[in-house]
Amino acid sequence: MNRRKKIVTKFQKKDKRANAKLHKSNKPGYVSKAEREKLTLANFEPPTFCQESTETDEKNNAQ
C-alpha cells in the first residue's frame, strides 16, 4: 500500500504542475519602485490656470 501511494502521489503532483502551467495567473507582473516613479512622472501634468476665466470675472465685477 505504501509503495502504491507514493507512485499515485508522484503522478498527482506531476498532473497538478502541468495543470498550473495551463492556467496562468491574471496577476500583473512586478513593476519596480523606480519604474512606478517614472510612470507617475510621465503621467503628471502640472495644473494650468485659465486666464480667460479670470479676465471675464474681472469684467463682470467692473460692471
PDB file of N, CA and C in Angstrom:
ATOM      1  N   MET A   1       0.816  -1.195   0.000  1.00  0.00           N
ATOM      2  CA  MET A   1       0.000   0.000   0.000  1.00  0.00           C
ATOM      3  C   MET A   1       0.857   1.254   0.000  1.00  0.00           C
ATOM      4  N   ASN A   2       1.909   1.235   0.765  1.00  0.00           N
ATOM      5  CA  ASN A   2       2.761   2.405   0.872  1.00  0.00           C
ATOM      6  C   ASN A   2       3.440   2.713  -0.457  1.00  0.00           C
ATOM      7  N   ARG A   3       3.920   1.679  -1.155  1.00  0.00           N
ATOM      8  CA  ARG A   3       4.576   1.882  -2.441  1.00  0.00           C
ATOM      9  C   ARG A   3       3.589   2.421  -3.466  1.00  0.00           C
ATOM     10  N   ARG A   4       2.388   1.870  -3.466  1.00  0.00           N
ATOM     11  CA  ARG A   4       1.359   2.326  -4.403  1.00  0.00           C
ATOM     12  C   ARG A   4       0.989   3.786  -4.130  1.00  0.00           C
ATOM     13  N   LYS A   5       0.869   4.150  -2.873  1.00  0.00           N
ATOM     14  CA  LYS A   5       0.531   5.520  -2.504  1.00  0.00           C
ATOM     15  C   LYS A   5       1.604   6.496  -2.994  1.00  0.00           C
ATOM     16  N   LYS A   6       2.855   6.147  -2.851  1.00  0.00           N
ATOM     17  CA  LYS A   6       3.950   7.001  -3.304  1.00  0.00           C
ATOM     18  C   LYS A   6       3.889   7.231  -4.812  1.00  0.00           C
ATOM     19  N   ILE A   7       3.593   6.180  -5.546  1.00  0.00           N
ATOM     20  CA  ILE A   7       3.501   6.276  -7.002  1.00  0.00           C
ATOM     21  C   ILE A   7       2.327   7.172  -7.396  1.00  0.00           C
ATOM     22  N   VAL A   8       1.195   6.996  -6.749  1.00  0.00           N
ATOM     23  CA  VAL A   8      -0.005   7.781  -7.059  1.00  0.00           C
ATOM     24  C   VAL A   8       0.241   9.257  -6.740  1.00  0.00           C
ATOM     25  N   THR A   9       0.810   9.537  -5.584  1.00  0.00           N
ATOM     26  CA  THR A   9       1.059  10.941  -5.220  1.00  0.00           C
ATOM     27  C   THR A   9       2.069  11.583  -6.157  1.00  0.00           C
ATOM     28  N   LYS A  10       3.033  10.795  -6.628  1.00  0.00           N
ATOM     29  CA  LYS A  10       4.015  11.317  -7.576  1.00  0.00           C
ATOM     30  C   LYS A  10       3.326  11.773  -8.860  1.00  0.00           C
ATOM     31  N   PHE A  11       2.410  10.958  -9.381  1.00  0.00           N
ATOM     32  CA  PHE A  11       1.704  11.325 -10.600  1.00  0.00           C
ATOM     33  C   PHE A  11       0.707  12.463 -10.364  1.00  0.00           C
ATOM     34  N   GLN A  12       0.125  12.502  -9.179  1.00  0.00           N
ATOM     35  CA  GLN A  12      -0.790  13.598  -8.861  1.00  0.00           C
ATOM     36  C   GLN A  12      -0.051  14.942  -8.835  1.00  0.00           C
ATOM     37  N   LYS A  13       1.135  14.950  -8.265  1.00  0.00           N
ATOM     38  CA  LYS A  13       1.938  16.172  -8.233  1.00  0.00           C
ATOM     39  C   LYS A  13       2.310  16.616  -9.651  1.00  0.00           C
ATOM     40  N   LYS A  14       2.671  15.626 -10.481  1.00  0.00           N
ATOM     41  CA  LYS A  14       3.036  15.937 -11.862  1.00  0.00           C
ATOM     42  C   LYS A  14       1.853  16.539 -12.610  1.00  0.00           C
ATOM     43  N   ASP A  15       0.671  15.958 -12.438  1.00  0.00           N
ATOM     44  CA  ASP A  15      -0.533  16.479 -13.082  1.00  0.00           C
ATOM     45  C   ASP A  15      -0.874  17.884 -12.579  1.00  0.00           C
ATOM     46  N   LYS A  16      -0.706  18.098 -11.296  1.00  0.00           N
ATOM     47  CA  LYS A  16      -1.012  19.394 -10.701  1.00  0.00           C
ATOM     48  C   LYS A  16      -0.102  20.485 -11.272  1.00  0.00           C
ATOM     49  N   ARG A  17       1.187  20.186 -11.425  1.00  0.00           N
ATOM     50  CA  ARG A  17       2.125  21.150 -12.005  1.00  0.00           C
ATOM     51  C   ARG A  17       1.802  21.439 -13.466  1.00  0.00           C
ATOM     52  N   ALA A  18       1.450  20.409 -14.210  1.00  0.00           N
ATOM     53  CA  ALA A  18       1.100  20.603 -15.623  1.00  0.00           C
ATOM     54  C   ALA A  18      -0.169  21.433 -15.742  1.00  0.00           C
ATOM     55  N   ASN A  19      -1.131  21.216 -14.875  1.00  0.00           N
ATOM     56  CA  ASN A  19      -2.376  21.965 -14.889  1.00  0.00           C
ATOM     57  C   ASN A  19      -2.129  23.426 -14.510  1.00  0.00           C
ATOM     58  N   ALA A  20      -1.228  23.660 -13.589  1.00  0.00           N
ATOM     59  CA  ALA A  20      -0.917  25.024 -13.160  1.00  0.00           C
ATOM     60  C   ALA A  20      -0.272  25.814 -14.297  1.00  0.00           C
ATOM     61  N   LYS A  21       0.502  25.177 -15.126  1.00  0.00           N
ATOM     62  CA  LYS A  21       1.119  25.867 -16.260  1.00  0.00           C
ATOM     63  C   LYS A  21       0.083  26.269 -17.305  1.00  0.00           C
ATOM     64  N   LEU A  22      -0.976  25.484 -17.420  1.00  0.00           N
ATOM     65  CA  LEU A  22      -2.012  25.797 -18.394  1.00  0.00           C
ATOM     66  C   LEU A  22      -2.828  27.018 -17.986  1.00  0.00           C
ATOM     67  N   HIS A  23      -3.035  27.198 -16.694  1.00  0.00           N
ATOM     68  CA  HIS A  23      -3.868  28.288 -16.186  1.00  0.00           C
ATOM     69  C   HIS A  23      -2.974  29.363 -15.584  1.00  0.00           C
ATOM     70  N   LYS A  24      -2.576  30.288 -16.429  1.00  0.00           N
ATOM     71  CA  LYS A  24      -1.724  31.371 -15.970  1.00  0.00           C
ATOM     72  C   LYS A  24      -2.516  32.326 -15.095  1.00  0.00           C
ATOM     73  N   SER A  25      -1.823  32.993 -14.225  1.00  0.00           N
ATOM     74  CA  SER A  25      -2.463  33.929 -13.311  1.00  0.00           C
ATOM     75  C   SER A  25      -2.780  35.238 -14.025  1.00  0.00           C
ATOM     76  N   ASN A  26      -3.849  35.897 -13.613  1.00  0.00           N
ATOM     77  CA  ASN A  26      -4.213  37.202 -14.159  1.00  0.00           C
ATOM     78  C   ASN A  26      -3.502  38.330 -13.421  1.00  0.00           C
ATOM     79  N   LYS A  27      -2.681  37.978 -12.485  1.00  0.00           N
ATOM     80  CA  LYS A  27      -1.972  38.958 -11.683  1.00  0.00           C
ATOM     81  C   LYS A  27      -0.969  39.710 -12.565  1.00  0.00           C
ATOM     82  N   PRO A  28      -0.941  41.045 -12.485  1.00  0.00           N
ATOM     83  CA  PRO A  28       0.014  41.799 -13.303  1.00  0.00           C
ATOM     84  C   PRO A  28       1.445  41.550 -12.832  1.00  0.00           C
ATOM     85  N   GLY A  29       2.363  41.705 -13.752  1.00  0.00           N
ATOM     86  CA  GLY A  29       3.759  41.489 -13.424  1.00  0.00           C
ATOM     87  C   GLY A  29       4.294  42.530 -12.465  1.00  0.00           C
ATOM     88  N   TYR A  30       5.417  42.241 -11.836  1.00  0.00           N
ATOM     89  CA  TYR A  30       6.010  43.149 -10.855  1.00  0.00           C
ATOM     90  C   TYR A  30       6.587  44.372 -11.555  1.00  0.00           C
ATOM     91  N   VAL A  31       6.298  45.536 -11.005  1.00  0.00           N
ATOM     92  CA  VAL A  31       6.847  46.783 -11.511  1.00  0.00           C
ATOM     93  C   VAL A  31       7.676  47.382 -10.384  1.00  0.00           C
ATOM     94  N   SER A  32       8.954  47.630 -10.653  1.00  0.00           N
ATOM     95  CA  SER A  32       9.832  48.115  -9.601  1.00  0.00           C
ATOM     96  C   SER A  32       9.450  49.519  -9.166  1.00  0.00           C
ATOM     97  N   LYS A  33       9.964  49.916  -8.019  1.00  0.00           N
ATOM     98  CA  LYS A  33       9.653  51.224  -7.457  1.00  0.00           C
ATOM     99  C   LYS A  33      10.132  52.333  -8.385  1.00  0.00           C
ATOM    100  N   ALA A  34      11.293  52.155  -8.995  1.00  0.00           N
ATOM    101  CA  ALA A  34      11.830  53.160  -9.913  1.00  0.00           C
ATOM    102  C   ALA A  34      10.953  53.284 -11.159  1.00  0.00           C
ATOM    103  N   GLU A  35      10.473  52.169 -11.664  1.00  0.00           N
ATOM    104  CA  GLU A  35       9.595  52.203 -12.840  1.00  0.00           C
ATOM    105  C   GLU A  35       8.265  52.879 -12.519  1.00  0.00           C
ATOM    106  N   ARG A  36       7.729  52.603 -11.319  1.00  0.00           N
ATOM    107  CA  ARG A  36       6.482  53.264 -10.905  1.00  0.00           C
ATOM    108  C   ARG A  36       6.682  54.766 -10.826  1.00  0.00           C
ATOM    109  N   GLU A  37       7.832  55.190 -10.314  1.00  0.00           N
ATOM    110  CA  GLU A  37       8.132  56.621 -10.217  1.00  0.00           C
ATOM    111  C   GLU A  37       8.216  57.255 -11.601  1.00  0.00           C
ATOM    112  N   LYS A  38       8.841  56.557 -12.544  1.00  0.00           N
ATOM    113  CA  LYS A  38       8.937  57.072 -13.913  1.00  0.00           C
ATOM    114  C   LYS A  38       7.550  57.211 -14.542  1.00  0.00           C
ATOM    115  N   LEU A  39       6.696  56.225 -14.315  1.00  0.00           N
ATOM    116  CA  LEU A  39       5.351  56.264 -14.876  1.00  0.00           C
ATOM    117  C   LEU A  39       4.535  57.412 -14.299  1.00  0.00           C
ATOM    118  N   THR A  40       4.662  57.650 -13.006  1.00  0.00           N
ATOM    119  CA  THR A  40       3.899  58.743 -12.409  1.00  0.00           C
ATOM    120  C   THR A  40       4.405  60.084 -12.893  1.00  0.00           C
ATOM    121  N   LEU A  41       5.709  60.220 -13.086  1.00  0.00           N
ATOM    122  CA  LEU A  41       6.244  61.478 -13.595  1.00  0.00           C
ATOM    123  C   LEU A  41       5.852  61.701 -15.048  1.00  0.00           C
ATOM    124  N   ALA A  42       5.764  60.638 -15.819  1.00  0.00           N
ATOM    125  CA  ALA A  42       5.379  60.755 -17.222  1.00  0.00           C
ATOM    126  C   ALA A  42       3.906  61.135 -17.353  1.00  0.00           C
ATOM    127  N   ASN A  43       3.073  60.642 -16.435  1.00  0.00           N
ATOM    128  CA  ASN A  43       1.645  60.927 -16.498  1.00  0.00           C
ATOM    129  C   ASN A  43       1.263  62.221 -15.783  1.00  0.00           C
ATOM    130  N   PHE A  44       2.195  62.812 -15.055  1.00  0.00           N
ATOM    131  CA  PHE A  44       1.891  64.017 -14.281  1.00  0.00           C
ATOM    132  C   PHE A  44       1.807  65.225 -15.210  1.00  0.00           C
ATOM    133  N   GLU A  45       0.721  65.966 -15.090  1.00  0.00           N
ATOM    134  CA  GLU A  45       0.555  67.195 -15.855  1.00  0.00           C
ATOM    135  C   GLU A  45       0.373  68.334 -14.863  1.00  0.00           C
ATOM    136  N   PRO A  46       1.235  69.331 -14.888  1.00  0.00           N
ATOM    137  CA  PRO A  46       1.091  70.423 -13.932  1.00  0.00           C
ATOM    138  C   PRO A  46      -0.210  71.175 -14.182  1.00  0.00           C
ATOM    139  N   PRO A  47      -0.845  71.648 -13.128  1.00  0.00           N
ATOM    140  CA  PRO A  47      -2.120  72.353 -13.303  1.00  0.00           C
ATOM    141  C   PRO A  47      -1.918  73.665 -14.054  1.00  0.00           C
ATOM    142  N   THR A  48      -2.799  73.909 -14.980  1.00  0.00           N
ATOM    143  CA  THR A  48      -2.718  75.149 -15.740  1.00  0.00           C
ATOM    144  C   THR A  48      -3.877  76.036 -15.322  1.00  0.00           C
ATOM    145  N   PHE A  49      -3.589  77.319 -15.191  1.00  0.00           N
ATOM    146  CA  PHE A  49      -4.623  78.257 -14.799  1.00  0.00           C
ATOM    147  C   PHE A  49      -5.196  78.896 -16.045  1.00  0.00           C
ATOM    148  N   CYS A  50      -6.483  78.989 -16.087  1.00  0.00           N
ATOM    149  CA  CYS A  50      -7.172  79.532 -17.243  1.00  0.00           C
ATOM    150  C   CYS A  50      -7.247  81.047 -17.087  1.00  0.00           C
ATOM    151  N   GLN A  51      -6.582  81.791 -17.965  1.00  0.00           N
ATOM    152  CA  GLN A  51      -6.567  83.246 -17.898  1.00  0.00           C
ATOM    153  C   GLN A  51      -7.901  83.832 -18.333  1.00  0.00           C
ATOM    154  N   GLU A  52      -8.596  83.158 -19.218  1.00  0.00           N
ATOM    155  CA  GLU A  52      -9.857  83.677 -19.741  1.00  0.00           C
ATOM    156  C   GLU A  52     -10.900  83.796 -18.638  1.00  0.00           C
ATOM    157  N   SER A  53     -10.974  82.853 -17.759  1.00  0.00           N
ATOM    158  CA  SER A  53     -11.997  82.897 -16.718  1.00  0.00           C
ATOM    159  C   SER A  53     -11.732  84.044 -15.753  1.00  0.00           C
ATOM    160  N   THR A  54     -10.466  84.328 -15.444  1.00  0.00           N
ATOM    161  CA  THR A  54     -10.179  85.433 -14.531  1.00  0.00           C
ATOM    162  C   THR A  54     -10.448  86.764 -15.209  1.00  0.00           C
ATOM    163  N   GLU A  55     -10.201  86.874 -16.503  1.00  0.00           N
ATOM    164  CA  GLU A  55     -10.473  88.116 -17.222  1.00  0.00           C
ATOM    165  C   GLU A  55     -11.972  88.383 -17.289  1.00  0.00           C
ATOM    166  N   THR A  56     -12.769  87.362 -17.521  1.00  0.00           N
ATOM    167  CA  THR A  56     -14.216  87.565 -17.600  1.00  0.00           C
ATOM    168  C   THR A  56     -14.781  87.894 -16.225  1.00  0.00           C
ATOM    169  N   ASP A  57     -14.193  87.315 -15.177  1.00  0.00           N
ATOM    170  CA  ASP A  57     -14.653  87.640 -13.828  1.00  0.00           C
ATOM    171  C   ASP A  57     -14.367  89.098 -13.496  1.00  0.00           C
ATOM    172  N   GLU A  58     -13.199  89.583 -13.914  1.00  0.00           N
ATOM    173  CA  GLU A  58     -12.847  90.979 -13.651  1.00  0.00           C
ATOM    174  C   GLU A  58     -13.783  91.929 -14.401  1.00  0.00           C
ATOM    175  N   LYS A  59     -14.131  91.592 -15.624  1.00  0.00           N
ATOM    176  CA  LYS A  59     -15.043  92.422 -16.414  1.00  0.00           C
ATOM    177  C   LYS A  59     -16.428  92.451 -15.774  1.00  0.00           C
ATOM    178  N   ASN A  60     -16.887  91.310 -15.285  1.00  0.00           N
ATOM    179  CA  ASN A  60     -18.204  91.241 -14.655  1.00  0.00           C
ATOM    180  C   ASN A  60     -18.235  92.027 -13.347  1.00  0.00           C
ATOM    181  N   ASN A  61     -17.139  91.999 -12.606  1.00  0.00           N
ATOM    182  CA  ASN A  61     -17.072  92.735 -11.352  1.00  0.00           C
ATOM    183  C   ASN A  61     -17.006  94.240 -11.590  1.00  0.00           C
ATOM    184  N   ALA A  62     -16.409  94.675 -12.697  1.00  0.00           N
ATOM    185  CA  ALA A  62     -16.271  96.096 -13.006  1.00  0.00           C
ATOM    186  C   ALA A  62     -17.611  96.700 -13.390  1.00  0.00           C
ATOM    187  N   GLN A  63     -18.492  95.925 -13.936  1.00  0.00           N
ATOM    188  CA  GLN A  63     -19.785  96.464 -14.382  1.00  0.00           C
ATOM    189  C   GLN A  63     -20.678  96.630 -13.255  1.00  0.00           C
TER     190      GLN A  63
END
